[in-house]
Every structure is written in structure tokens, then in C-alpha cells.
Amino acid sequence: MRRRCCWYPVYLENTDGSELFVYLRGEGFHSDRGERYSIFMRCEIIYEDDEMLTIHKPAGLATQSSSAWQADAVSELKNYLSKKGISYLGVIHRLDQPVEGLLVFAKTPEAATKLSKQLQQGTLNKKYLALVGVKPNPEEGELVDSLRKDGGRAQIVTGREDKFPDAKDARLSYHVIAREDEMSFPETVAVLEVQIETGRFHQIRAQLAHAGWPILGDQKYGDENARNLATECGIRTVALCAASVECRHPKTGKVMHWECRPAWLS
């Protein structure tokens, strides 16, 4: 088999159903026998038209990586679109690598401008579901903090803003949603619906942890209790999901809405 070029590791499937694991960049692989191989995409396209597409990104897949050897959603989508003769992909917003959920992308520069404007104006609405080890009290409210980026972490510096001039306001609202009867989690565990008013680095993870409600599976911001509960609940990644997104279609103006169910609630 000959490689056209090299980029990142993917699974490939031959026409007879056999699988291969290779490093791939570009449009695909051809064997020396002329057989074509199709690319397995880890992200799932749940909506697509001429202007935009919406995907579900699984936990563990980066939205966009600077490494040529790391798989990411943007590379998968660019390879997918290249097969349709489309060279443009506009990244509108991102999710942390260990976080799953919905992402909206633009397929034209004009759509990217309009969707990005909605994001800036707060009319591209995103709601998240988070599994936390301690039920908040009160069960509904708002968190307002000062947050700064410190290397690969978000640092809460509320009350110390004078020492950190780079700190920015971080606001989110939350409420506890009703538990489902089939949930096998301990009663201390709660599912929160979270909506952010500001888009800061690691905002939800850092603010919930600072409030005393760390997200299960979050090795970076969680405490020992959260880590123990995550093991008990079988949570192996950050239990945070961008579970719904709503925007206006960049061409028609129609309100578009999508939802997904987190893998950790399946």
C-alpha cells in the first residue's frame, strides 16, 4: 500500500469490511491493487446544508490541534469536505478535548461572519450538562468570578483582582435538573444545566470546582472526593457535555436548534 501523505492516525475500512490503522492526511489511501479505503470519522455530522454544519464531538477528540500527529474534529471535517470539492471550513467555537457535545461550523466565509457575530452578541446559545459530586445549595443560581489563564489552567482570583490585571469576569447560571429514575449514580451526585454568559478558558470546569461542586472525571480541577465518585460511577472522562445549541441560520434567518444526550447518561 502506498501513502499519499502523512498527518494523523485513523482507522480505515476496506470494501470487504477489513480494518486498518494508519497515519493519514488528505483525501485517503489507495492500495497497490487499486482498492479504495474509506475514513472513519469520530465526530458525527448531525446537520448539514450549503452554509453550515453541526456535529457531535466525542470526548477525547480535540476540536483543533496544532500537532500534525493528533486527530482532531477540524481535520476530519476538512477531509470530509474536500471529497465534496469544498475547501473552506469556518471554526465558530470550540470544546475542550475531554468534553463532548455539539459544535457549529460554517461552510462559507459569509456564514462564518454571521455565525461569529451571533456568538459575540450572545445569540448563539449553548447549554451544557455537568455531572457533579455535590448537589449545589441553592439548586439554582449564578456564579460570578474573576478568572485568568495560567498556562494550561484557569485560575480563579476573585477578591484578588488588583494583583492580577489580566483577570476577566466569568459568569454562568446553573440549575439542578430532575434526576431520572434509571440513573444509577449515588444520591449525592447531581446533574446541572449550565449556561455561560462569558466564554472564558475552562470556565465551567473552574467555576464549578471553585464553588465546591467539581465535575466528575475532571482530573485537572476535581478533588479526591470527585475522583473517587467518578471511579464509583464508571466515569472515565470529564462529565461535561455541550448538550444543546441554538442559532439563526446564516442565510435564511430561521431558528435552528439541536440537542444531544451525554454518553455518561446513556
C-alpha atoms as a PDB file:
ATOM      1  CA  MET A   1       0.000   0.000   0.000  1.00  0.00           C
ATOM      2  CA  ARG A   2       1.293   3.491  -0.798  1.00  0.00           C
ATOM      3  CA  ARG A   3       0.743   6.614   1.273  1.00  0.00           C
ATOM      4  CA  ARG A   4      -0.097   9.898  -0.379  1.00  0.00           C
ATOM      5  CA  CYS A   5       0.987  11.886   2.680  1.00  0.00           C
ATOM      6  CA  CYS A   6       1.011  11.642   6.458  1.00  0.00           C
ATOM      7  CA  TRP A   7      -0.960  13.549   9.067  1.00  0.00           C
ATOM      8  CA  TYR A   8      -2.724  11.726  11.905  1.00  0.00           C
ATOM      9  CA  PRO A   9      -3.804   8.223  12.925  1.00  0.00           C
ATOM     10  CA  VAL A  10      -7.191   6.991  11.728  1.00  0.00           C
ATOM     11  CA  TYR A  11      -8.996   3.712  11.256  1.00  0.00           C
ATOM     12  CA  LEU A  12      -9.647   2.738   7.658  1.00  0.00           C
ATOM     13  CA  GLU A  13     -12.087   0.211   6.289  1.00  0.00           C
ATOM     14  CA  ASN A  14     -11.663  -1.728   3.071  1.00  0.00           C
ATOM     15  CA  THR A  15     -14.638  -2.543   0.860  1.00  0.00           C
ATOM     16  CA  ASP A  16     -14.634  -6.110   2.221  1.00  0.00           C
ATOM     17  CA  GLY A  17     -15.052  -4.840   5.802  1.00  0.00           C
ATOM     18  CA  SER A  18     -11.477  -5.418   6.957  1.00  0.00           C
ATOM     19  CA  GLU A  19      -9.890  -2.682   9.095  1.00  0.00           C
ATOM     20  CA  LEU A  20      -6.501  -0.987   9.079  1.00  0.00           C
ATOM     21  CA  PHE A  21      -4.909   1.567  11.399  1.00  0.00           C
ATOM     22  CA  VAL A  22      -2.674   4.026   9.583  1.00  0.00           C
ATOM     23  CA  TYR A  23      -1.398   7.604   9.627  1.00  0.00           C
ATOM     24  CA  LEU A  24      -3.293   9.627   7.063  1.00  0.00           C
ATOM     25  CA  ARG A  25      -3.519  13.120   5.661  1.00  0.00           C
ATOM     26  CA  GLY A  26      -5.501  14.297   2.677  1.00  0.00           C
ATOM     27  CA  GLU A  27      -8.169  12.510   0.714  1.00  0.00           C
ATOM     28  CA  GLY A  28      -7.371   8.923   1.595  1.00  0.00           C
ATOM     29  CA  PHE A  29      -5.435   5.804   0.832  1.00  0.00           C
ATOM     30  CA  HIS A  30      -5.247   3.580  -2.194  1.00  0.00           C
ATOM     31  CA  SER A  31      -3.705   0.151  -2.065  1.00  0.00           C
ATOM     32  CA  ASP A  32      -1.325  -1.050  -4.734  1.00  0.00           C
ATOM     33  CA  ARG A  33      -4.217  -3.160  -6.015  1.00  0.00           C
ATOM     34  CA  GLY A  34      -6.282  -0.029  -6.604  1.00  0.00           C
ATOM     35  CA  GLU A  35      -8.735  -0.683  -3.743  1.00  0.00           C
ATOM     36  CA  ARG A  36     -10.267   2.409  -2.158  1.00  0.00           C
ATOM     37  CA  TYR A  37     -10.421   2.847   1.608  1.00  0.00           C
ATOM     38  CA  SER A  38     -12.973   4.999   3.445  1.00  0.00           C
ATOM     39  CA  ILE A  39     -12.202   7.133   6.511  1.00  0.00           C
ATOM     40  CA  PHE A  40     -13.839   6.521   9.896  1.00  0.00           C
ATOM     41  CA  MET A  41     -14.821   9.862  11.421  1.00  0.00           C
ATOM     42  CA  ARG A  42     -15.057  10.034  15.201  1.00  0.00           C
ATOM     43  CA  CYS A  43     -17.223  13.156  15.074  1.00  0.00           C
ATOM     44  CA  GLU A  44     -20.818  12.717  13.900  1.00  0.00           C
ATOM     45  CA  ILE A  45     -22.437  15.155  11.482  1.00  0.00           C
ATOM     46  CA  ILE A  46     -25.994  15.720  12.695  1.00  0.00           C
ATOM     47  CA  TYR A  47     -26.935  18.550  10.319  1.00  0.00           C
ATOM     48  CA  GLU A  48     -25.513  19.896   7.075  1.00  0.00           C
ATOM     49  CA  ASP A  49     -26.566  22.246   4.288  1.00  0.00           C
ATOM     50  CA  ASP A  50     -24.745  24.553   1.869  1.00  0.00           C
ATOM     51  CA  GLU A  51     -23.980  27.161   4.541  1.00  0.00           C
ATOM     52  CA  MET A  52     -23.210  25.318   7.760  1.00  0.00           C
ATOM     53  CA  LEU A  53     -22.911  22.012   9.541  1.00  0.00           C
ATOM     54  CA  THR A  54     -23.375  20.850  13.129  1.00  0.00           C
ATOM     55  CA  ILE A  55     -21.512  17.935  14.659  1.00  0.00           C
ATOM     56  CA  HIS A  56     -21.334  15.930  17.845  1.00  0.00           C
ATOM     57  CA  LYS A  57     -17.715  15.806  19.028  1.00  0.00           C
ATOM     58  CA  PRO A  58     -16.918  12.846  21.279  1.00  0.00           C
ATOM     59  CA  ALA A  59     -14.909  13.245  24.454  1.00  0.00           C
ATOM     60  CA  GLY A  60     -11.183  12.774  23.857  1.00  0.00           C
ATOM     61  CA  LEU A  61     -11.135  14.273  20.362  1.00  0.00           C
ATOM     62  CA  ALA A  62      -9.592  17.740  20.104  1.00  0.00           C
ATOM     63  CA  THR A  63     -11.608  20.412  18.307  1.00  0.00           C
ATOM     64  CA  GLN A  64      -8.486  21.696  16.565  1.00  0.00           C
ATOM     65  CA  SER A  65      -4.950  20.547  17.252  1.00  0.00           C
ATOM     66  CA  SER A  66      -1.670  22.257  16.458  1.00  0.00           C
ATOM     67  CA  SER A  67       0.004  18.847  16.219  1.00  0.00           C
ATOM     68  CA  ALA A  68       0.120  17.117  12.848  1.00  0.00           C
ATOM     69  CA  TRP A  69       0.089  13.769  14.671  1.00  0.00           C
ATOM     70  CA  GLN A  70      -3.040  14.319  16.762  1.00  0.00           C
ATOM     71  CA  ALA A  71      -6.511  13.623  15.378  1.00  0.00           C
ATOM     72  CA  ASP A  72      -8.995  16.493  15.662  1.00  0.00           C
ATOM     73  CA  ALA A  73     -12.509  17.365  14.540  1.00  0.00           C
ATOM     74  CA  VAL A  74     -11.424  20.154  12.180  1.00  0.00           C
ATOM     75  CA  SER A  75      -9.071  17.846  10.242  1.00  0.00           C
ATOM     76  CA  GLU A  76     -11.761  15.184   9.990  1.00  0.00           C
ATOM     77  CA  LEU A  77     -14.264  17.698   8.619  1.00  0.00           C
ATOM     78  CA  LYS A  78     -11.793  19.246   6.187  1.00  0.00           C
ATOM     79  CA  ASN A  79     -11.000  15.806   4.782  1.00  0.00           C
ATOM     80  CA  TYR A  80     -14.734  15.056   4.545  1.00  0.00           C
ATOM     81  CA  LEU A  81     -15.494  18.347   2.783  1.00  0.00           C
ATOM     82  CA  SER A  82     -12.538  18.021   0.416  1.00  0.00           C
ATOM     83  CA  LYS A  83     -14.169  14.923  -1.043  1.00  0.00           C
ATOM     84  CA  LYS A  84     -17.148  17.143  -1.924  1.00  0.00           C
ATOM     85  CA  GLY A  85     -14.935  19.786  -3.509  1.00  0.00           C
ATOM     86  CA  ILE A  86     -15.281  22.208  -0.578  1.00  0.00           C
ATOM     87  CA  SER A  87     -12.086  23.794   0.712  1.00  0.00           C
ATOM     88  CA  TYR A  88     -13.479  26.185   3.332  1.00  0.00           C
ATOM     89  CA  LEU A  89     -14.353  25.382   6.951  1.00  0.00           C
ATOM     90  CA  GLY A  90     -15.044  28.166   9.460  1.00  0.00           C
ATOM     91  CA  VAL A  91     -14.467  27.326  13.132  1.00  0.00           C
ATOM     92  CA  ILE A  92     -17.078  29.237  15.170  1.00  0.00           C
ATOM     93  CA  HIS A  93     -16.484  27.901  18.687  1.00  0.00           C
ATOM     94  CA  ARG A  94     -14.575  25.104  20.416  1.00  0.00           C
ATOM     95  CA  LEU A  95     -14.838  22.485  23.143  1.00  0.00           C
ATOM     96  CA  ASP A  96     -12.059  21.253  25.423  1.00  0.00           C
ATOM     97  CA  GLN A  97     -10.607  17.942  24.265  1.00  0.00           C
ATOM     98  CA  PRO A  98     -12.049  15.858  27.165  1.00  0.00           C
ATOM     99  CA  VAL A  99     -15.516  17.438  26.740  1.00  0.00           C
ATOM    100  CA  GLU A 100     -18.157  16.080  24.380  1.00  0.00           C
ATOM    101  CA  GLY A 101     -21.003  17.865  22.666  1.00  0.00           C
ATOM    102  CA  LEU A 102     -22.325  19.968  19.819  1.00  0.00           C
ATOM    103  CA  LEU A 103     -20.279  22.290  17.621  1.00  0.00           C
ATOM    104  CA  VAL A 104     -21.401  24.542  14.765  1.00  0.00           C
ATOM    105  CA  PHE A 105     -19.152  25.188  11.754  1.00  0.00           C
ATOM    106  CA  ALA A 106     -19.518  27.425   8.702  1.00  0.00           C
ATOM    107  CA  LYS A 107     -19.021  26.243   5.135  1.00  0.00           C
ATOM    108  CA  THR A 108     -18.652  29.726   3.602  1.00  0.00           C
ATOM    109  CA  PRO A 109     -16.876  32.905   4.742  1.00  0.00           C
ATOM    110  CA  GLU A 110     -20.197  34.768   4.725  1.00  0.00           C
ATOM    111  CA  ALA A 111     -21.795  32.177   7.021  1.00  0.00           C
ATOM    112  CA  ALA A 112     -18.750  32.305   9.310  1.00  0.00           C
ATOM    113  CA  THR A 113     -19.092  36.086   9.682  1.00  0.00           C
ATOM    114  CA  LYS A 114     -22.779  35.858  10.597  1.00  0.00           C
ATOM    115  CA  LEU A 115     -22.403  32.927  12.994  1.00  0.00           C
ATOM    116  CA  SER A 116     -19.388  34.513  14.692  1.00  0.00           C
ATOM    117  CA  LYS A 117     -21.389  37.715  15.158  1.00  0.00           C
ATOM    118  CA  GLN A 118     -24.165  35.716  16.834  1.00  0.00           C
ATOM    119  CA  LEU A 119     -21.594  34.175  19.161  1.00  0.00           C
ATOM    120  CA  GLN A 120     -20.211  37.594  20.077  1.00  0.00           C
ATOM    121  CA  GLN A 121     -23.689  39.030  20.652  1.00  0.00           C
ATOM    122  CA  GLY A 122     -24.778  36.057  22.766  1.00  0.00           C
ATOM    123  CA  THR A 123     -27.496  34.904  20.383  1.00  0.00           C
ATOM    124  CA  LEU A 124     -25.742  31.641  19.546  1.00  0.00           C
ATOM    125  CA  ASN A 125     -26.994  29.916  22.683  1.00  0.00           C
ATOM    126  CA  LYS A 126     -25.269  26.889  24.184  1.00  0.00           C
ATOM    127  CA  LYS A 127     -26.411  24.872  27.179  1.00  0.00           C
ATOM    128  CA  TYR A 128     -24.257  22.324  28.963  1.00  0.00           C
ATOM    129  CA  LEU A 129     -24.970  19.366  31.214  1.00  0.00           C
ATOM    130  CA  ALA A 130     -22.500  18.649  34.011  1.00  0.00           C
ATOM    131  CA  LEU A 131     -22.364  15.763  36.466  1.00  0.00           C
ATOM    132  CA  VAL A 132     -21.116  16.993  39.841  1.00  0.00           C
ATOM    133  CA  GLY A 133     -20.394  15.103  43.049  1.00  0.00           C
ATOM    134  CA  VAL A 134     -22.091  17.584  45.396  1.00  0.00           C
ATOM    135  CA  LYS A 135     -25.608  18.967  44.918  1.00  0.00           C
ATOM    136  CA  PRO A 136     -25.423  22.778  44.886  1.00  0.00           C
ATOM    137  CA  ASN A 137     -27.191  24.795  47.531  1.00  0.00           C
ATOM    138  CA  PRO A 138     -29.095  26.745  46.322  1.00  0.00           C
ATOM    139  CA  GLU A 139     -30.121  24.459  43.479  1.00  0.00           C
ATOM    140  CA  GLU A 140     -30.364  27.378  41.071  1.00  0.00           C
ATOM    141  CA  GLY A 141     -28.242  30.467  40.809  1.00  0.00           C
ATOM    142  CA  GLU A 142     -25.429  32.401  39.176  1.00  0.00           C
ATOM    143  CA  LEU A 143     -21.671  32.212  39.635  1.00  0.00           C
ATOM    144  CA  VAL A 144     -19.618  35.360  39.081  1.00  0.00           C
ATOM    145  CA  ASP A 145     -15.842  35.129  39.368  1.00  0.00           C
ATOM    146  CA  SER A 146     -12.657  36.738  38.179  1.00  0.00           C
ATOM    147  CA  LEU A 147     -10.708  34.257  36.079  1.00  0.00           C
ATOM    148  CA  ARG A 148      -7.319  34.291  34.432  1.00  0.00           C
ATOM    149  CA  LYS A 149      -5.457  31.795  32.284  1.00  0.00           C
ATOM    150  CA  ASP A 150      -2.359  30.435  33.983  1.00  0.00           C
ATOM    151  CA  GLY A 151      -0.597  28.189  31.482  1.00  0.00           C
ATOM    152  CA  GLY A 152      -2.870  25.230  30.863  1.00  0.00           C
ATOM    153  CA  ARG A 153      -5.180  26.012  33.783  1.00  0.00           C
ATOM    154  CA  ALA A 154      -7.871  28.531  34.608  1.00  0.00           C
ATOM    155  CA  GLN A 155      -7.209  30.277  37.908  1.00  0.00           C
ATOM    156  CA  ILE A 156      -9.993  31.876  39.957  1.00  0.00           C
ATOM    157  CA  VAL A 157      -8.689  35.102  41.523  1.00  0.00           C
ATOM    158  CA  THR A 158     -11.931  36.578  42.850  1.00  0.00           C
ATOM    159  CA  GLY A 159     -11.099  39.180  45.513  1.00  0.00           C
ATOM    160  CA  ARG A 160      -7.501  39.454  44.303  1.00  0.00           C
ATOM    161  CA  GLU A 161      -8.099  41.279  41.046  1.00  0.00           C
ATOM    162  CA  ASP A 162      -5.671  44.053  41.984  1.00  0.00           C
ATOM    163  CA  LYS A 163      -2.818  41.522  41.871  1.00  0.00           C
ATOM    164  CA  PHE A 164      -3.877  40.053  38.525  1.00  0.00           C
ATOM    165  CA  PRO A 165      -4.626  42.765  35.944  1.00  0.00           C
ATOM    166  CA  ASP A 166      -5.168  40.084  33.281  1.00  0.00           C
ATOM    167  CA  ALA A 167      -8.176  38.630  35.136  1.00  0.00           C
ATOM    168  CA  LYS A 168     -11.548  38.776  33.381  1.00  0.00           C
ATOM    169  CA  ASP A 169     -15.142  38.422  34.546  1.00  0.00           C
ATOM    170  CA  ALA A 170     -16.592  34.912  34.237  1.00  0.00           C
ATOM    171  CA  ARG A 171     -20.358  34.484  34.584  1.00  0.00           C
ATOM    172  CA  LEU A 172     -22.572  31.434  34.354  1.00  0.00           C
ATOM    173  CA  SER A 173     -26.024  30.397  35.505  1.00  0.00           C
ATOM    174  CA  TYR A 174     -26.956  26.897  36.634  1.00  0.00           C
ATOM    175  CA  HIS A 175     -29.821  24.841  37.956  1.00  0.00           C
ATOM    176  CA  VAL A 176     -30.156  21.264  39.139  1.00  0.00           C
ATOM    177  CA  ILE A 177     -32.272  19.209  36.762  1.00  0.00           C
ATOM    178  CA  ALA A 178     -34.515  16.401  37.920  1.00  0.00           C
ATOM    179  CA  ARG A 179     -32.830  13.064  38.354  1.00  0.00           C
ATOM    180  CA  GLU A 180     -34.081  10.224  36.184  1.00  0.00           C
ATOM    181  CA  ASP A 181     -35.269   7.052  37.880  1.00  0.00           C
ATOM    182  CA  GLU A 182     -32.852   4.918  35.891  1.00  0.00           C
ATOM    183  CA  MET A 183     -29.810   6.912  36.975  1.00  0.00           C
ATOM    184  CA  SER A 184     -27.507   4.539  38.836  1.00  0.00           C
ATOM    185  CA  PHE A 185     -25.409   7.296  40.403  1.00  0.00           C
ATOM    186  CA  PRO A 186     -25.208   7.891  44.173  1.00  0.00           C
ATOM    187  CA  GLU A 187     -27.818  10.300  45.524  1.00  0.00           C
ATOM    188  CA  THR A 188     -25.141  12.892  46.308  1.00  0.00           C
ATOM    189  CA  VAL A 189     -24.460  13.242  42.587  1.00  0.00           C
ATOM    190  CA  ALA A 190     -26.383  15.934  40.700  1.00  0.00           C
ATOM    191  CA  VAL A 191     -26.841  16.850  37.052  1.00  0.00           C
ATOM    192  CA  LEU A 192     -26.632  20.583  36.369  1.00  0.00           C
ATOM    193  CA  GLU A 193     -27.784  22.508  33.342  1.00  0.00           C
ATOM    194  CA  VAL A 194     -25.302  25.327  32.814  1.00  0.00           C
ATOM    195  CA  GLN A 195     -25.414  28.362  30.553  1.00  0.00           C
ATOM    196  CA  ILE A 196     -22.396  30.642  30.224  1.00  0.00           C
ATOM    197  CA  GLU A 197     -22.597  34.386  29.696  1.00  0.00           C
ATOM    198  CA  THR A 198     -18.857  34.699  29.021  1.00  0.00           C
ATOM    199  CA  GLY A 199     -16.646  32.324  27.073  1.00  0.00           C
ATOM    200  CA  ARG A 200     -13.537  32.022  29.230  1.00  0.00           C
ATOM    201  CA  PHE A 201     -10.874  29.317  29.150  1.00  0.00           C
ATOM    202  CA  HIS A 202     -12.072  26.219  31.092  1.00  0.00           C
ATOM    203  CA  GLN A 203     -14.735  28.459  32.628  1.00  0.00           C
ATOM    204  CA  ILE A 204     -17.387  25.904  33.624  1.00  0.00           C
ATOM    205  CA  ARG A 205     -14.875  23.414  34.977  1.00  0.00           C
ATOM    206  CA  ALA A 206     -13.002  26.011  37.023  1.00  0.00           C
ATOM    207  CA  GLN A 207     -16.039  27.869  38.357  1.00  0.00           C
ATOM    208  CA  LEU A 208     -17.937  24.765  39.453  1.00  0.00           C
ATOM    209  CA  ALA A 209     -14.832  23.396  41.177  1.00  0.00           C
ATOM    210  CA  HIS A 210     -14.235  26.733  42.907  1.00  0.00           C
ATOM    211  CA  ALA A 211     -17.845  26.704  44.143  1.00  0.00           C
ATOM    212  CA  GLY A 212     -17.253  23.276  45.701  1.00  0.00           C
ATOM    213  CA  TRP A 213     -19.037  21.272  43.008  1.00  0.00           C
ATOM    214  CA  PRO A 214     -16.264  19.746  40.854  1.00  0.00           C
ATOM    215  CA  ILE A 215     -17.287  17.877  37.727  1.00  0.00           C
ATOM    216  CA  LEU A 216     -16.791  14.125  37.935  1.00  0.00           C
ATOM    217  CA  GLY A 217     -13.919  12.819  35.848  1.00  0.00           C
ATOM    218  CA  ASP A 218     -12.124  16.165  35.767  1.00  0.00           C
ATOM    219  CA  GLN A 219      -8.550  15.321  36.696  1.00  0.00           C
ATOM    220  CA  LYS A 220      -7.424  18.935  36.356  1.00  0.00           C
ATOM    221  CA  TYR A 221      -9.938  20.671  38.634  1.00  0.00           C
ATOM    222  CA  GLY A 222     -11.508  17.847  40.627  1.00  0.00           C
ATOM    223  CA  ASP A 223     -10.751  16.914  44.233  1.00  0.00           C
ATOM    224  CA  GLU A 224     -10.222  13.491  45.800  1.00  0.00           C
ATOM    225  CA  ASN A 225     -13.923  13.039  46.548  1.00  0.00           C
ATOM    226  CA  ALA A 226     -14.836  13.769  42.933  1.00  0.00           C
ATOM    227  CA  ARG A 227     -12.173  11.346  41.704  1.00  0.00           C
ATOM    228  CA  ASN A 228     -13.490   8.591  43.993  1.00  0.00           C
ATOM    229  CA  LEU A 229     -17.079   9.214  42.888  1.00  0.00           C
ATOM    230  CA  ALA A 230     -16.037   9.181  39.231  1.00  0.00           C
ATOM    231  CA  THR A 231     -14.461   5.752  39.736  1.00  0.00           C
ATOM    232  CA  GLU A 232     -17.598   4.522  41.526  1.00  0.00           C
ATOM    233  CA  CYS A 233     -19.816   5.824  38.710  1.00  0.00           C
ATOM    234  CA  GLY A 234     -17.586   4.492  35.927  1.00  0.00           C
ATOM    235  CA  ILE A 235     -16.824   7.995  34.624  1.00  0.00           C
ATOM    236  CA  ARG A 236     -13.566   7.990  32.636  1.00  0.00           C
ATOM    237  CA  THR A 237     -13.645  11.469  31.134  1.00  0.00           C
ATOM    238  CA  VAL A 238     -14.868  14.929  32.101  1.00  0.00           C
ATOM    239  CA  ALA A 239     -18.633  14.571  32.664  1.00  0.00           C
ATOM    240  CA  LEU A 240     -19.467  17.783  30.826  1.00  0.00           C
ATOM    241  CA  CYS A 241     -21.419  17.970  27.583  1.00  0.00           C
ATOM    242  CA  ALA A 242     -22.466  20.809  25.287  1.00  0.00           C
ATOM    243  CA  ALA A 243     -25.939  19.296  25.126  1.00  0.00           C
ATOM    244  CA  SER A 244     -27.837  21.907  23.122  1.00  0.00           C
ATOM    245  CA  VAL A 245     -27.077  24.730  20.722  1.00  0.00           C
ATOM    246  CA  GLU A 246     -29.398  27.250  19.094  1.00  0.00           C
ATOM    247  CA  CYS A 247     -28.697  29.864  16.464  1.00  0.00           C
ATOM    248  CA  ARG A 248     -30.238  31.594  13.474  1.00  0.00           C
ATOM    249  CA  HIS A 249     -29.445  30.133  10.095  1.00  0.00           C
ATOM    250  CA  PRO A 250     -26.829  32.402   8.474  1.00  0.00           C
ATOM    251  CA  LYS A 251     -28.774  32.607   5.198  1.00  0.00           C
ATOM    252  CA  THR A 252     -32.478  32.118   5.966  1.00  0.00           C
ATOM    253  CA  GLY A 253     -32.579  33.543   9.497  1.00  0.00           C
ATOM    254  CA  LYS A 254     -34.577  30.521  10.665  1.00  0.00           C
ATOM    255  CA  VAL A 255     -34.034  29.486  14.286  1.00  0.00           C
ATOM    256  CA  MET A 256     -32.041  26.231  14.345  1.00  0.00           C
ATOM    257  CA  HIS A 257     -31.889  24.029  17.438  1.00  0.00           C
ATOM    258  CA  TRP A 258     -30.092  20.771  18.174  1.00  0.00           C
ATOM    259  CA  GLU A 259     -29.763  18.584  21.259  1.00  0.00           C
ATOM    260  CA  CYS A 260     -27.736  15.536  22.233  1.00  0.00           C
ATOM    261  CA  ARG A 261     -27.612  13.190  25.212  1.00  0.00           C
ATOM    262  CA  PRO A 262     -24.279  12.839  27.043  1.00  0.00           C
ATOM    263  CA  ALA A 263     -22.554   9.480  26.778  1.00  0.00           C
ATOM    264  CA  TRP A 264     -22.271   9.371  30.578  1.00  0.00           C
ATOM    265  CA  LEU A 265     -26.094   9.426  30.842  1.00  0.00           C
ATOM    266  CA  SER A 266     -26.536   6.571  28.361  1.00  0.00           C
END
